[in-house]
Amino acid sequence: MKHNIVIRPEKHRDFKDIVSPVLRSFKEGTDYSDGTDIVALI
């Protein structure tokens, strides 16, 4: 199955959609992070 994927620079309106799963994955997905400063890391 072939899908067309478009990679583009993020826009300001994308921030909430990007940061939510990132913070959730670090807070809930690992014992190695307290969930702080993850956005700065990424």
PDB file of N, CA and C in Angstrom:
ATOM      1  N   MET A   1       0.848  -1.166   0.000  1.00  0.00           N
ATOM      2  CA  MET A   1       0.000   0.000   0.000  1.00  0.00           C
ATOM      3  C   MET A   1       0.900   1.237   0.000  1.00  0.00           C
ATOM      4  N   LYS A   2       0.647   2.141  -0.871  1.00  0.00           N
ATOM      5  CA  LYS A   2       1.450   3.342  -0.992  1.00  0.00           C
ATOM      6  C   LYS A   2       0.642   4.549  -0.519  1.00  0.00           C
ATOM      7  N   HIS A   3       1.276   5.349   0.328  1.00  0.00           N
ATOM      8  CA  HIS A   3       0.624   6.563   0.829  1.00  0.00           C
ATOM      9  C   HIS A   3       1.480   7.767   0.481  1.00  0.00           C
ATOM     10  N   ASN A   4       0.830   8.850   0.169  1.00  0.00           N
ATOM     11  CA  ASN A   4       1.551  10.092  -0.054  1.00  0.00           C
ATOM     12  C   ASN A   4       1.713  10.802   1.280  1.00  0.00           C
ATOM     13  N   ILE A   5       2.950  11.054   1.657  1.00  0.00           N
ATOM     14  CA  ILE A   5       3.242  11.736   2.907  1.00  0.00           C
ATOM     15  C   ILE A   5       3.930  13.047   2.570  1.00  0.00           C
ATOM     16  N   VAL A   6       3.419  14.128   3.129  1.00  0.00           N
ATOM     17  CA  VAL A   6       3.989  15.444   2.915  1.00  0.00           C
ATOM     18  C   VAL A   6       4.637  15.893   4.221  1.00  0.00           C
ATOM     19  N   ILE A   7       5.916  16.198   4.165  1.00  0.00           N
ATOM     20  CA  ILE A   7       6.622  16.722   5.329  1.00  0.00           C
ATOM     21  C   ILE A   7       6.808  18.210   5.112  1.00  0.00           C
ATOM     22  N   ARG A   8       6.357  18.999   6.080  1.00  0.00           N
ATOM     23  CA  ARG A   8       6.444  20.448   5.953  1.00  0.00           C
ATOM     24  C   ARG A   8       6.850  21.037   7.300  1.00  0.00           C
ATOM     25  N   PRO A   9       7.359  22.253   7.291  1.00  0.00           N
ATOM     26  CA  PRO A   9       7.665  22.907   8.563  1.00  0.00           C
ATOM     27  C   PRO A   9       6.377  23.086   9.376  1.00  0.00           C
ATOM     28  N   GLU A  10       6.505  22.955  10.677  1.00  0.00           N
ATOM     29  CA  GLU A  10       5.319  23.149  11.509  1.00  0.00           C
ATOM     30  C   GLU A  10       4.923  24.618  11.515  1.00  0.00           C
ATOM     31  N   LYS A  11       3.655  24.825  11.761  1.00  0.00           N
ATOM     32  CA  LYS A  11       3.118  26.175  11.870  1.00  0.00           C
ATOM     33  C   LYS A  11       2.658  26.381  13.309  1.00  0.00           C
ATOM     34  N   HIS A  12       2.475  27.632  13.672  1.00  0.00           N
ATOM     35  CA  HIS A  12       2.079  27.947  15.042  1.00  0.00           C
ATOM     36  C   HIS A  12       0.813  27.180  15.448  1.00  0.00           C
ATOM     37  N   ARG A  13      -0.108  27.052  14.551  1.00  0.00           N
ATOM     38  CA  ARG A  13      -1.369  26.365  14.871  1.00  0.00           C
ATOM     39  C   ARG A  13      -1.170  24.856  15.089  1.00  0.00           C
ATOM     40  N   ASP A  14      -0.037  24.313  14.691  1.00  0.00           N
ATOM     41  CA  ASP A  14       0.253  22.893  14.874  1.00  0.00           C
ATOM     42  C   ASP A  14       0.778  22.563  16.267  1.00  0.00           C
ATOM     43  N   PHE A  15       1.182  23.574  17.020  1.00  0.00           N
ATOM     44  CA  PHE A  15       1.889  23.350  18.279  1.00  0.00           C
ATOM     45  C   PHE A  15       1.134  22.431  19.236  1.00  0.00           C
ATOM     46  N   LYS A  16      -0.143  22.696  19.447  1.00  0.00           N
ATOM     47  CA  LYS A  16      -0.925  21.886  20.396  1.00  0.00           C
ATOM     48  C   LYS A  16      -0.961  20.422  19.958  1.00  0.00           C
ATOM     49  N   ASP A  17      -1.136  20.178  18.671  1.00  0.00           N
ATOM     50  CA  ASP A  17      -1.192  18.800  18.162  1.00  0.00           C
ATOM     51  C   ASP A  17       0.160  18.098  18.259  1.00  0.00           C
ATOM     52  N   ILE A  18       1.227  18.865  18.230  1.00  0.00           N
ATOM     53  CA  ILE A  18       2.562  18.282  18.325  1.00  0.00           C
ATOM     54  C   ILE A  18       2.948  18.037  19.779  1.00  0.00           C
ATOM     55  N   VAL A  19       2.731  19.019  20.628  1.00  0.00           N
ATOM     56  CA  VAL A  19       3.227  18.934  21.999  1.00  0.00           C
ATOM     57  C   VAL A  19       2.430  17.939  22.852  1.00  0.00           C
ATOM     58  N   SER A  20       1.160  17.785  22.618  1.00  0.00           N
ATOM     59  CA  SER A  20       0.347  16.882  23.449  1.00  0.00           C
ATOM     60  C   SER A  20       0.855  15.444  23.443  1.00  0.00           C
ATOM     61  N   PRO A  21       1.017  14.807  22.284  1.00  0.00           N
ATOM     62  CA  PRO A  21       1.501  13.422  22.322  1.00  0.00           C
ATOM     63  C   PRO A  21       2.954  13.310  22.794  1.00  0.00           C
ATOM     64  N   VAL A  22       3.751  14.336  22.542  1.00  0.00           N
ATOM     65  CA  VAL A  22       5.144  14.302  22.997  1.00  0.00           C
ATOM     66  C   VAL A  22       5.188  14.302  24.525  1.00  0.00           C
ATOM     67  N   LEU A  23       4.493  15.239  25.144  1.00  0.00           N
ATOM     68  CA  LEU A  23       4.478  15.296  26.602  1.00  0.00           C
ATOM     69  C   LEU A  23       3.868  14.034  27.200  1.00  0.00           C
ATOM     70  N   ARG A  24       2.803  13.564  26.606  1.00  0.00           N
ATOM     71  CA  ARG A  24       2.157  12.353  27.102  1.00  0.00           C
ATOM     72  C   ARG A  24       3.086  11.142  27.021  1.00  0.00           C
ATOM     73  N   SER A  25       3.799  11.021  25.929  1.00  0.00           N
ATOM     74  CA  SER A  25       4.668   9.857  25.773  1.00  0.00           C
ATOM     75  C   SER A  25       5.799   9.866  26.794  1.00  0.00           C
ATOM     76  N   PHE A  26       6.328  11.045  27.114  1.00  0.00           N
ATOM     77  CA  PHE A  26       7.410  11.101  28.084  1.00  0.00           C
ATOM     78  C   PHE A  26       6.907  10.983  29.518  1.00  0.00           C
ATOM     79  N   LYS A  27       5.716  11.501  29.800  1.00  0.00           N
ATOM     80  CA  LYS A  27       5.182  11.405  31.153  1.00  0.00           C
ATOM     81  C   LYS A  27       4.665  10.004  31.454  1.00  0.00           C
ATOM     82  N   GLU A  28       4.025   9.388  30.488  1.00  0.00           N
ATOM     83  CA  GLU A  28       3.389   8.095  30.719  1.00  0.00           C
ATOM     84  C   GLU A  28       4.206   6.921  30.206  1.00  0.00           C
ATOM     85  N   GLY A  29       5.123   7.180  29.288  1.00  0.00           N
ATOM     86  CA  GLY A  29       5.780   6.085  28.601  1.00  0.00           C
ATOM     87  C   GLY A  29       7.127   5.651  29.132  1.00  0.00           C
ATOM     88  N   THR A  30       7.678   6.371  30.111  1.00  0.00           N
ATOM     89  CA  THR A  30       9.005   5.998  30.580  1.00  0.00           C
ATOM     90  C   THR A  30       9.217   6.379  32.034  1.00  0.00           C
ATOM     91  N   ASP A  31      10.010   5.620  32.696  1.00  0.00           N
ATOM     92  CA  ASP A  31      10.375   5.918  34.081  1.00  0.00           C
ATOM     93  C   ASP A  31      11.570   6.871  34.140  1.00  0.00           C
ATOM     94  N   TYR A  32      12.131   7.214  33.001  1.00  0.00           N
ATOM     95  CA  TYR A  32      13.360   7.997  32.953  1.00  0.00           C
ATOM     96  C   TYR A  32      13.131   9.491  32.806  1.00  0.00           C
ATOM     97  N   SER A  33      11.900   9.930  32.771  1.00  0.00           N
ATOM     98  CA  SER A  33      11.620  11.340  32.570  1.00  0.00           C
ATOM     99  C   SER A  33      10.505  11.794  33.486  1.00  0.00           C
ATOM    100  N   ASP A  34      10.630  13.012  34.002  1.00  0.00           N
ATOM    101  CA  ASP A  34       9.550  13.588  34.799  1.00  0.00           C
ATOM    102  C   ASP A  34       8.641  14.468  33.948  1.00  0.00           C
ATOM    103  N   GLY A  35       8.894  14.523  32.649  1.00  0.00           N
ATOM    104  CA  GLY A  35       8.033  15.257  31.725  1.00  0.00           C
ATOM    105  C   GLY A  35       8.344  16.736  31.618  1.00  0.00           C
ATOM    106  N   THR A  36       9.376  17.220  32.300  1.00  0.00           N
ATOM    107  CA  THR A  36       9.708  18.641  32.222  1.00  0.00           C
ATOM    108  C   THR A  36      10.759  18.877  31.138  1.00  0.00           C
ATOM    109  N   ASP A  37      10.674  20.016  30.521  1.00  0.00           N
ATOM    110  CA  ASP A  37      11.634  20.459  29.493  1.00  0.00           C
ATOM    111  C   ASP A  37      11.733  19.527  28.282  1.00  0.00           C
ATOM    112  N   ILE A  38      10.753  18.697  28.066  1.00  0.00           N
ATOM    113  CA  ILE A  38      10.781  17.782  26.927  1.00  0.00           C
ATOM    114  C   ILE A  38      10.654  18.553  25.617  1.00  0.00           C
ATOM    115  N   VAL A  39       9.817  19.560  25.591  1.00  0.00           N
ATOM    116  CA  VAL A  39       9.631  20.342  24.369  1.00  0.00           C
ATOM    117  C   VAL A  39      10.951  20.980  23.962  1.00  0.00           C
ATOM    118  N   ALA A  40      11.706  21.498  24.926  1.00  0.00           N
ATOM    119  CA  ALA A  40      13.000  22.104  24.611  1.00  0.00           C
ATOM    120  C   ALA A  40      13.965  21.076  24.049  1.00  0.00           C
ATOM    121  N   LEU A  41      13.896  19.861  24.554  1.00  0.00           N
ATOM    122  CA  LEU A  41      14.762  18.792  24.079  1.00  0.00           C
ATOM    123  C   LEU A  41      14.463  18.456  22.622  1.00  0.00           C
ATOM    124  N   ILE A  42      13.194  18.367  22.302  1.00  0.00           N
ATOM    125  CA  ILE A  42      12.785  17.976  20.965  1.00  0.00           C
ATOM    126  C   ILE A  42      12.912  19.143  20.023  1.00  0.00           C
TER     127      ILE A  42
END
